[in-house]
Amino acid sequence: MKLPNMEGKTVPQVTFRTRENNQWKDVTSKELFAGKTVIVFSLPGAFTPTCSSSHLPRYNELAPTFRDNGVDSILCLSVNDAFVMEAWAKELNVENVRLIPDGNGEFTAGMGMLVDKADLGFGKRSWRYSMLVRDGVIEKMFIEPDKPGDPFEVSDADTMLRYLNPNAKEPEFIALFTREGCPHCARAKALLKERGLAFEEIRTGMGTGLSSRSVRAVSGRSTVPQVFIGGKHIGGADDLAHYLASK
């Protein structure tokens, strides 16, 4: 299977049928790419294992670093319909990547990346790749090798970041264990927001499926909030305030 490298060429000009706020919205290639620096990564299908566990989440995590290195937007493209892509974005709580449905495979075909996945019952789907596009012109492509199955070796977010800036510093990811109605949790969240620090809130208590035992298991404490930054346990709200004051 010969997959073309489109570096130096213009992206295909198509109209995507998307869904926003439960309404249909047509979006053109020109709207997505003109005058912008854009990362696109394309994958075989929404909700599939590698796409859900690694490909999309990592681009979402590194989005702030990509922005710091001149990227205006990140697009995840798949030959799926708009309803599927919208549901997938909600399922993974994607905030920093825009999911684009190429339902008819027009963009993917124009890229020369439409392949037959009939053996999996998928029909025509996109080969996995990523690319950096500046003002509609493809500067760099990372195309997965022609191997059986679904190779995932070069189209990942870290490879793209190394291409943009080998010395780029990754963000320290922040996780915050909280409970509904906890004033100290609200204070911890406010401290992080004041610094413009993105964090993932992990709610505990009734109806969440997580109890104080879960908090104790990872932090050694049963109270909330408990804050982790870059894999390091910081502690509660007071501990967080002291930590931030020292930075």
Protein backbone atom coordinates (compact mmCIF):
# COMPACT_ATOMS: atom_id res chain seq x y z
CA MET A 1 0.00 0.00 0.00
CA LYS A 2 1.55 3.27 -1.14
CA LEU A 3 0.50 6.21 1.04
CA PRO A 4 1.36 9.64 -0.41
CA ASN A 5 3.29 12.28 1.48
CA MET A 6 1.55 15.60 0.78
CA GLU A 7 4.17 17.93 2.23
CA GLY A 8 4.27 21.23 0.35
CA LYS A 9 0.74 20.80 -0.99
CA THR A 10 -2.52 22.48 -0.02
CA VAL A 11 -5.04 20.62 2.12
CA PRO A 12 -8.16 19.35 0.30
CA GLN A 13 -10.94 21.92 0.03
CA VAL A 14 -14.09 20.33 1.41
CA THR A 15 -17.10 21.18 3.55
CA PHE A 16 -17.48 19.24 6.78
CA ARG A 17 -20.92 18.55 8.23
CA THR A 18 -20.45 19.11 11.96
CA ARG A 19 -22.69 19.39 15.02
CA GLU A 20 -22.47 22.21 17.56
CA ASN A 21 -24.94 22.72 20.40
CA ASN A 22 -27.25 20.11 18.86
CA GLN A 23 -27.38 22.03 15.59
CA TRP A 24 -25.90 21.28 12.17
CA LYS A 25 -23.03 23.54 11.14
CA ASP A 26 -21.12 23.42 7.87
CA VAL A 27 -17.40 24.15 8.26
CA THR A 28 -15.04 24.58 5.30
CA SER A 29 -11.36 23.79 4.96
CA LYS A 30 -10.76 27.51 4.46
CA GLU A 31 -12.33 28.32 7.84
CA LEU A 32 -10.22 25.71 9.59
CA PHE A 33 -6.85 26.44 7.99
CA ALA A 34 -6.62 29.89 6.39
CA GLY A 35 -4.14 32.15 8.19
CA LYS A 36 -3.57 29.61 10.98
CA THR A 37 -1.00 27.11 12.16
CA VAL A 38 -2.91 23.89 12.67
CA ILE A 39 -2.10 20.38 13.81
CA VAL A 40 -4.24 17.62 12.34
CA PHE A 41 -4.17 14.03 13.46
CA SER A 42 -6.35 11.49 11.74
CA LEU A 43 -7.31 8.06 13.02
CA PRO A 44 -9.36 5.00 12.01
CA GLY A 45 -12.35 5.52 14.28
CA ALA A 46 -13.88 7.16 17.31
CA PHE A 47 -14.16 5.05 20.46
CA THR A 48 -11.53 2.56 19.21
CA PRO A 49 -8.91 1.52 21.84
CA THR A 50 -5.69 3.25 20.72
CA CYS A 51 -7.55 6.36 19.62
CA SER A 52 -9.37 6.70 22.95
CA SER A 53 -6.58 5.70 25.33
CA SER A 54 -3.57 7.37 23.73
CA HIS A 55 -3.89 9.31 20.49
CA LEU A 56 -6.60 11.85 21.30
CA PRO A 57 -5.98 12.23 25.07
CA ARG A 58 -2.28 13.02 24.64
CA TYR A 59 -2.94 15.77 22.08
CA ASN A 60 -5.54 17.18 24.46
CA GLU A 61 -3.01 17.11 27.34
CA LEU A 62 -0.24 18.81 25.37
CA ALA A 63 -2.47 21.45 23.78
CA PRO A 64 -1.24 24.28 26.08
CA THR A 65 2.36 23.46 25.15
CA PHE A 66 1.47 23.42 21.46
CA ARG A 67 -0.16 26.84 21.86
CA ASP A 68 3.01 28.15 23.52
CA ASN A 69 4.87 26.98 20.41
CA GLY A 70 2.71 28.82 17.90
CA VAL A 71 -0.09 26.37 17.17
CA ASP A 72 -3.52 27.99 16.81
CA SER A 73 -5.67 24.87 16.84
CA ILE A 74 -5.58 21.08 16.96
CA LEU A 75 -7.99 19.03 14.87
CA CYS A 76 -8.81 15.35 15.27
CA LEU A 77 -10.25 13.96 12.05
CA SER A 78 -11.96 10.63 11.45
CA VAL A 79 -14.26 9.07 8.88
CA ASN A 80 -17.17 9.05 11.31
CA ASP A 81 -20.41 10.98 11.33
CA ALA A 82 -20.97 14.14 13.35
CA PHE A 83 -23.09 12.45 16.03
CA VAL A 84 -20.38 9.88 16.76
CA MET A 85 -17.62 12.49 16.97
CA GLU A 86 -19.72 14.73 19.21
CA ALA A 87 -20.47 11.82 21.57
CA TRP A 88 -16.81 10.80 21.64
CA ALA A 89 -15.69 14.32 22.60
CA LYS A 90 -18.15 14.31 25.51
CA GLU A 91 -17.14 10.81 26.59
CA LEU A 92 -13.45 11.77 26.85
CA ASN A 93 -14.13 15.30 28.13
CA VAL A 94 -12.01 16.79 25.35
CA GLU A 95 -11.51 20.52 25.82
CA ASN A 96 -8.49 21.47 23.74
CA VAL A 97 -8.97 19.52 20.51
CA ARG A 98 -11.67 20.08 17.91
CA LEU A 99 -13.13 16.84 16.56
CA ILE A 100 -13.93 17.01 12.85
CA PRO A 101 -16.23 14.40 11.22
CA ASP A 102 -15.20 13.47 7.70
CA GLY A 103 -18.35 11.42 7.30
CA ASN A 104 -18.10 10.95 3.53
CA GLY A 105 -14.33 10.54 3.57
CA GLU A 106 -13.85 13.44 1.14
CA PHE A 107 -10.97 15.11 2.98
CA THR A 108 -9.33 11.76 3.72
CA ALA A 109 -9.61 10.68 0.08
CA GLY A 110 -8.12 14.00 -1.01
CA MET A 111 -5.16 13.32 1.28
CA GLY A 112 -4.73 9.88 -0.28
CA MET A 113 -5.32 8.32 3.12
CA LEU A 114 -8.66 6.56 2.59
CA VAL A 115 -8.05 2.85 3.10
CA ASP A 116 -10.19 -0.28 3.15
CA LYS A 117 -10.80 -1.62 6.67
CA ALA A 118 -13.45 -4.10 5.54
CA ASP A 119 -11.65 -6.90 7.39
CA LEU A 120 -12.63 -5.15 10.63
CA GLY A 121 -16.14 -4.33 9.43
CA PHE A 122 -15.22 -0.62 9.26
CA GLY A 123 -15.47 -0.12 5.51
CA LYS A 124 -13.48 2.85 4.19
CA ARG A 125 -11.55 4.65 6.93
CA SER A 126 -8.57 6.94 7.38
CA TRP A 127 -5.04 5.63 7.77
CA ARG A 128 -3.47 6.97 10.95
CA TYR A 129 -1.30 10.07 10.41
CA SER A 130 -0.60 13.55 11.69
CA MET A 131 0.45 16.76 10.00
CA LEU A 132 1.40 20.36 10.63
CA VAL A 133 -0.41 22.82 8.36
CA ARG A 134 0.49 26.51 7.98
CA ASP A 135 -2.04 28.71 6.20
CA GLY A 136 -3.49 25.70 4.41
CA VAL A 137 -0.15 24.32 3.21
CA ILE A 138 1.11 21.03 4.64
CA GLU A 139 4.55 21.56 6.14
CA LYS A 140 5.16 18.17 7.75
CA MET A 141 3.46 14.75 7.78
CA PHE A 142 3.97 11.79 10.06
CA ILE A 143 2.43 8.74 8.39
CA GLU A 144 2.22 5.43 10.19
CA PRO A 145 4.16 2.60 8.52
CA ASP A 146 2.43 0.10 6.27
CA LYS A 147 2.10 -2.76 8.72
CA PRO A 148 -0.74 -5.15 9.55
CA GLY A 149 -3.26 -3.97 12.11
CA ASP A 150 -3.23 -0.40 13.38
CA PRO A 151 0.37 0.82 13.85
CA PHE A 152 0.84 3.79 16.18
CA GLU A 153 4.49 4.82 16.09
CA VAL A 154 4.96 8.32 14.64
CA SER A 155 1.65 10.23 14.57
CA ASP A 156 1.57 10.75 18.35
CA ALA A 157 1.55 14.13 20.07
CA ASP A 158 5.05 13.79 21.49
CA THR A 159 6.59 13.22 18.06
CA MET A 160 4.83 16.32 16.75
CA LEU A 161 6.00 18.37 19.73
CA ARG A 162 9.62 17.27 19.20
CA TYR A 163 9.34 18.39 15.57
CA LEU A 164 8.02 21.82 16.58
CA ASN A 165 10.44 22.35 19.44
CA PRO A 166 12.80 19.64 20.71
CA ASN A 167 13.35 21.70 23.87
CA ALA A 168 9.69 22.30 24.67
CA LYS A 169 8.83 21.82 28.33
CA GLU A 170 5.79 19.68 29.02
CA PRO A 171 3.20 21.02 31.47
CA GLU A 172 2.99 19.56 34.94
CA PHE A 173 -0.36 17.85 35.08
CA ILE A 174 -2.50 18.57 38.12
CA ALA A 175 -5.08 16.26 39.69
CA LEU A 176 -7.37 17.41 42.46
CA PHE A 177 -9.49 15.10 44.63
CA THR A 178 -12.60 16.94 45.83
CA ARG A 179 -16.04 16.38 47.36
CA GLU A 180 -19.30 18.24 46.76
CA GLY A 181 -19.86 21.06 49.24
CA CYS A 182 -16.28 21.10 50.55
CA PRO A 183 -15.15 24.73 51.15
CA HIS A 184 -11.47 23.78 51.25
CA CYS A 185 -11.89 22.11 47.84
CA ALA A 186 -13.40 25.32 46.49
CA ARG A 187 -10.43 27.24 47.88
CA ALA A 188 -7.93 24.87 46.25
CA LYS A 189 -9.67 25.20 42.89
CA ALA A 190 -9.68 28.99 43.22
CA LEU A 191 -5.93 29.01 43.96
CA LEU A 192 -5.22 27.01 40.83
CA LYS A 193 -7.51 29.12 38.67
CA GLU A 194 -5.89 32.34 39.94
CA ARG A 195 -2.58 31.04 38.59
CA GLY A 196 -4.17 29.96 35.31
CA LEU A 197 -3.27 26.33 36.02
CA ALA A 198 -5.39 23.68 34.33
CA PHE A 199 -6.34 20.72 36.50
CA GLU A 200 -8.42 17.59 36.46
CA GLU A 201 -10.99 17.40 39.23
CA ILE A 202 -11.67 13.93 40.61
CA ARG A 203 -14.89 14.02 42.60
CA THR A 204 -15.40 11.66 45.51
CA GLY A 205 -18.40 10.93 47.71
CA MET A 206 -21.94 9.74 47.18
CA GLY A 207 -22.79 8.92 43.57
CA THR A 208 -19.23 9.18 42.27
CA GLY A 209 -18.06 5.63 42.86
CA LEU A 210 -15.04 6.94 44.82
CA SER A 211 -14.81 7.03 48.60
CA SER A 212 -12.36 8.32 51.19
CA ARG A 213 -10.64 4.93 50.91
CA SER A 214 -9.66 5.79 47.34
CA VAL A 215 -8.21 9.11 48.49
CA ARG A 216 -6.31 7.39 51.31
CA ALA A 217 -4.98 4.73 48.92
CA VAL A 218 -3.25 7.30 46.69
CA SER A 219 -2.42 10.09 49.16
CA GLY A 220 -2.19 8.47 52.59
CA ARG A 221 -4.90 10.85 53.81
CA SER A 222 -8.69 10.51 53.92
CA THR A 223 -9.54 14.22 53.77
CA VAL A 224 -10.13 16.37 50.71
CA PRO A 225 -8.90 18.24 48.83
CA GLN A 226 -5.76 16.33 47.92
CA VAL A 227 -3.63 17.85 45.19
CA PHE A 228 -1.07 16.13 42.95
CA ILE A 229 1.20 18.11 40.63
CA GLY A 230 3.46 16.37 38.14
CA GLY A 231 2.97 13.09 39.97
CA LYS A 232 3.99 14.63 43.31
CA HIS A 233 1.57 14.72 46.25
CA ILE A 234 1.24 18.32 47.42
CA GLY A 235 -1.50 17.90 50.04
CA GLY A 236 -4.56 19.96 50.99
CA ALA A 237 -5.54 23.58 50.36
CA ASP A 238 -3.02 25.04 52.85
CA ASP A 239 -0.25 22.88 51.42
CA LEU A 240 -1.17 24.03 47.92
CA ALA A 241 -1.10 27.70 48.99
CA HIS A 242 2.40 27.27 50.43
CA TYR A 243 3.55 25.38 47.34
CA LEU A 244 2.31 28.07 44.95
CA ALA A 245 3.74 30.86 47.10
CA SER A 246 7.17 29.26 46.80
CA LYS A 247 7.05 29.30 42.98
